[in-house]
Amino acid sequence: VVLLGDAAYAVSLLAGQGASLAVAGACLLAAELTGRAPIGEALIGYEQALRPVVTETQERARRGTRWFVPATRTQRWLRRTALRSAGLPLADRLLATAVVGKRSALPRDRYAAGHTT
């Protein structure tokens, strides 16, 4: 059984991360299945390439929940202030990075056309 998309990754409700991982995972799985003879090896390669990215994205999402459910009055004030300043130059990027984190990168050579191992 191979799970794809939100069924496999269960990331967060933010920024389409589940959809992005679903597309990347599908591309990677397709490349692994066409680039390796035994299906078992292809599935192992798929998991080895994708698991670190999924784990990192899940951890970032867990850390980001404090932005959506602030526990203290100070945290609520900080959130409101950050959201109000999001329209300022560069502030939108800083806010997005603080909430969602930096982008993870799949190893492109793993799902490039003509992949063989």
C-alpha atoms as a PDB file:
ATOM      1  CA  VAL A   1       0.000   0.000   0.000  1.00  0.00           C
ATOM      2  CA  VAL A   2       1.309   3.439  -0.930  1.00  0.00           C
ATOM      3  CA  LEU A   3      -0.295   6.532   0.534  1.00  0.00           C
ATOM      4  CA  LEU A   4      -0.074   9.826  -1.322  1.00  0.00           C
ATOM      5  CA  GLY A   5      -1.121  13.392  -0.571  1.00  0.00           C
ATOM      6  CA  ASP A   6      -2.693  14.378   2.728  1.00  0.00           C
ATOM      7  CA  ALA A   7      -3.343  10.714   3.536  1.00  0.00           C
ATOM      8  CA  ALA A   8       0.407  10.184   3.665  1.00  0.00           C
ATOM      9  CA  TYR A   9       1.717  13.502   4.911  1.00  0.00           C
ATOM     10  CA  ALA A  10      -0.945  15.228   7.067  1.00  0.00           C
ATOM     11  CA  VAL A  11       1.017  18.450   7.169  1.00  0.00           C
ATOM     12  CA  SER A  12      -1.187  21.425   8.095  1.00  0.00           C
ATOM     13  CA  LEU A  13      -3.913  23.698   6.855  1.00  0.00           C
ATOM     14  CA  LEU A  14      -1.368  26.305   5.761  1.00  0.00           C
ATOM     15  CA  ALA A  15      -0.181  27.366   2.358  1.00  0.00           C
ATOM     16  CA  GLY A  16      -1.220  24.284   0.385  1.00  0.00           C
ATOM     17  CA  GLN A  17       1.620  22.248   1.826  1.00  0.00           C
ATOM     18  CA  GLY A  18      -0.302  18.981   1.566  1.00  0.00           C
ATOM     19  CA  ALA A  19      -1.154  19.612  -2.077  1.00  0.00           C
ATOM     20  CA  SER A  20       2.429  20.576  -2.876  1.00  0.00           C
ATOM     21  CA  LEU A  21       3.780  17.443  -1.220  1.00  0.00           C
ATOM     22  CA  ALA A  22       1.142  15.349  -2.994  1.00  0.00           C
ATOM     23  CA  VAL A  23       2.285  16.562  -6.414  1.00  0.00           C
ATOM     24  CA  ALA A  24       5.971  16.233  -5.540  1.00  0.00           C
ATOM     25  CA  GLY A  25       5.377  12.791  -4.039  1.00  0.00           C
ATOM     26  CA  ALA A  26       3.483  11.603  -7.104  1.00  0.00           C
ATOM     27  CA  CYS A  27       6.270  12.801  -9.414  1.00  0.00           C
ATOM     28  CA  LEU A  28       8.904  11.187  -7.252  1.00  0.00           C
ATOM     29  CA  LEU A  29       6.991   7.902  -6.999  1.00  0.00           C
ATOM     30  CA  ALA A  30       6.474   7.816 -10.774  1.00  0.00           C
ATOM     31  CA  ALA A  31      10.180   8.408 -11.351  1.00  0.00           C
ATOM     32  CA  GLU A  32      11.133   5.735  -8.846  1.00  0.00           C
ATOM     33  CA  LEU A  33       8.730   3.193 -10.357  1.00  0.00           C
ATOM     34  CA  THR A  34       9.949   3.805 -13.904  1.00  0.00           C
ATOM     35  CA  GLY A  35      13.623   3.986 -12.956  1.00  0.00           C
ATOM     36  CA  ARG A  36      13.946   0.786 -10.930  1.00  0.00           C
ATOM     37  CA  ALA A  37      13.117  -2.792 -11.828  1.00  0.00           C
ATOM     38  CA  PRO A  38      11.822  -4.258  -8.552  1.00  0.00           C
ATOM     39  CA  ILE A  39       8.849  -2.392  -7.080  1.00  0.00           C
ATOM     40  CA  GLY A  40      10.194  -2.920  -3.561  1.00  0.00           C
ATOM     41  CA  GLU A  41      13.375  -0.992  -4.376  1.00  0.00           C
ATOM     42  CA  ALA A  42      11.358   1.789  -5.976  1.00  0.00           C
ATOM     43  CA  LEU A  43       9.188   2.144  -2.873  1.00  0.00           C
ATOM     44  CA  ILE A  44      12.236   2.209  -0.601  1.00  0.00           C
ATOM     45  CA  GLY A  45      13.836   4.907  -2.765  1.00  0.00           C
ATOM     46  CA  TYR A  46      10.588   6.907  -2.733  1.00  0.00           C
ATOM     47  CA  GLU A  47      10.382   6.778   1.063  1.00  0.00           C
ATOM     48  CA  GLN A  48      14.071   7.579   1.584  1.00  0.00           C
ATOM     49  CA  ALA A  49      13.849  10.646  -0.641  1.00  0.00           C
ATOM     50  CA  LEU A  50      10.534  11.988   0.628  1.00  0.00           C
ATOM     51  CA  ARG A  51      10.532  11.185   4.342  1.00  0.00           C
ATOM     52  CA  PRO A  52      13.047  13.892   5.389  1.00  0.00           C
ATOM     53  CA  VAL A  53      11.096  16.552   3.484  1.00  0.00           C
ATOM     54  CA  VAL A  54       7.761  15.446   4.956  1.00  0.00           C
ATOM     55  CA  THR A  55       9.174  15.225   8.485  1.00  0.00           C
ATOM     56  CA  GLU A  56      10.673  18.715   8.246  1.00  0.00           C
ATOM     57  CA  THR A  57       7.430  20.147   6.855  1.00  0.00           C
ATOM     58  CA  GLN A  58       5.352  18.487   9.585  1.00  0.00           C
ATOM     59  CA  GLU A  59       7.665  19.842  12.303  1.00  0.00           C
ATOM     60  CA  ARG A  60       7.456  23.364  10.855  1.00  0.00           C
ATOM     61  CA  ALA A  61       3.668  23.116  10.782  1.00  0.00           C
ATOM     62  CA  ARG A  62       3.564  22.051  14.434  1.00  0.00           C
ATOM     63  CA  ARG A  63       5.802  24.957  15.423  1.00  0.00           C
ATOM     64  CA  GLY A  64       3.644  27.346  13.387  1.00  0.00           C
ATOM     65  CA  THR A  65       0.472  26.551  15.295  1.00  0.00           C
ATOM     66  CA  ARG A  66       1.435  29.058  17.971  1.00  0.00           C
ATOM     67  CA  TRP A  67       0.691  31.779  15.419  1.00  0.00           C
ATOM     68  CA  PHE A  68      -2.886  30.587  15.099  1.00  0.00           C
ATOM     69  CA  VAL A  69      -3.588  29.765  18.718  1.00  0.00           C
ATOM     70  CA  PRO A  70      -1.574  32.217  20.821  1.00  0.00           C
ATOM     71  CA  ALA A  71      -1.553  31.256  24.487  1.00  0.00           C
ATOM     72  CA  THR A  72      -0.918  34.646  26.089  1.00  0.00           C
ATOM     73  CA  ARG A  73      -2.051  38.228  25.716  1.00  0.00           C
ATOM     74  CA  THR A  74       1.443  39.195  24.547  1.00  0.00           C
ATOM     75  CA  GLN A  75       1.421  36.485  21.862  1.00  0.00           C
ATOM     76  CA  ARG A  76      -2.009  37.686  20.653  1.00  0.00           C
ATOM     77  CA  TRP A  77      -0.683  41.255  20.441  1.00  0.00           C
ATOM     78  CA  LEU A  78       2.391  40.087  18.522  1.00  0.00           C
ATOM     79  CA  ARG A  79       0.228  38.145  16.084  1.00  0.00           C
ATOM     80  CA  ARG A  80      -2.072  41.115  15.457  1.00  0.00           C
ATOM     81  CA  THR A  81       0.916  43.418  14.978  1.00  0.00           C
ATOM     82  CA  ALA A  82       2.601  40.995  12.584  1.00  0.00           C
ATOM     83  CA  LEU A  83      -0.565  40.548  10.531  1.00  0.00           C
ATOM     84  CA  ARG A  84      -1.109  44.305  10.319  1.00  0.00           C
ATOM     85  CA  SER A  85       2.442  44.828   9.096  1.00  0.00           C
ATOM     86  CA  ALA A  86       2.254  42.029   6.503  1.00  0.00           C
ATOM     87  CA  GLY A  87       1.544  44.539   3.731  1.00  0.00           C
ATOM     88  CA  LEU A  88       4.835  46.359   4.261  1.00  0.00           C
ATOM     89  CA  PRO A  89       7.764  45.670   1.924  1.00  0.00           C
ATOM     90  CA  LEU A  90       9.594  42.468   2.947  1.00  0.00           C
ATOM     91  CA  ALA A  91       7.303  42.008   5.968  1.00  0.00           C
ATOM     92  CA  ASP A  92       5.121  39.552   4.036  1.00  0.00           C
ATOM     93  CA  ARG A  93       8.126  37.301   3.380  1.00  0.00           C
ATOM     94  CA  LEU A  94       9.295  37.488   6.972  1.00  0.00           C
ATOM     95  CA  LEU A  95       5.810  36.646   8.238  1.00  0.00           C
ATOM     96  CA  ALA A  96       5.418  33.754   5.807  1.00  0.00           C
ATOM     97  CA  THR A  97       8.796  32.336   6.807  1.00  0.00           C
ATOM     98  CA  ALA A  98       7.936  32.674  10.493  1.00  0.00           C
ATOM     99  CA  VAL A  99       4.595  30.895  10.086  1.00  0.00           C
ATOM    100  CA  VAL A 100       5.275  28.331   7.370  1.00  0.00           C
ATOM    101  CA  GLY A 101       9.053  28.102   7.372  1.00  0.00           C
ATOM    102  CA  LYS A 102      11.481  27.857   4.514  1.00  0.00           C
ATOM    103  CA  ARG A 103      10.840  25.673   1.529  1.00  0.00           C
ATOM    104  CA  SER A 104      12.113  22.120   1.588  1.00  0.00           C
ATOM    105  CA  ALA A 105      13.802  20.730  -1.444  1.00  0.00           C
ATOM    106  CA  LEU A 106      13.358  17.280  -2.879  1.00  0.00           C
ATOM    107  CA  PRO A 107      16.458  15.899  -4.521  1.00  0.00           C
ATOM    108  CA  ARG A 108      15.725  16.948  -8.130  1.00  0.00           C
ATOM    109  CA  ASP A 109      18.025  14.333  -9.559  1.00  0.00           C
ATOM    110  CA  ARG A 110      15.709  11.685  -8.062  1.00  0.00           C
ATOM    111  CA  TYR A 111      12.690  12.673 -10.133  1.00  0.00           C
ATOM    112  CA  ALA A 112      14.318  14.147 -13.216  1.00  0.00           C
ATOM    113  CA  ALA A 113      13.480  12.624 -16.577  1.00  0.00           C
ATOM    114  CA  GLY A 114      15.370   9.463 -17.298  1.00  0.00           C
ATOM    115  CA  HIS A 115      16.241   8.695 -13.664  1.00  0.00           C
ATOM    116  CA  THR A 116      17.970   5.362 -13.237  1.00  0.00           C
ATOM    117  CA  THR A 117      19.821   3.917 -10.294  1.00  0.00           C
END
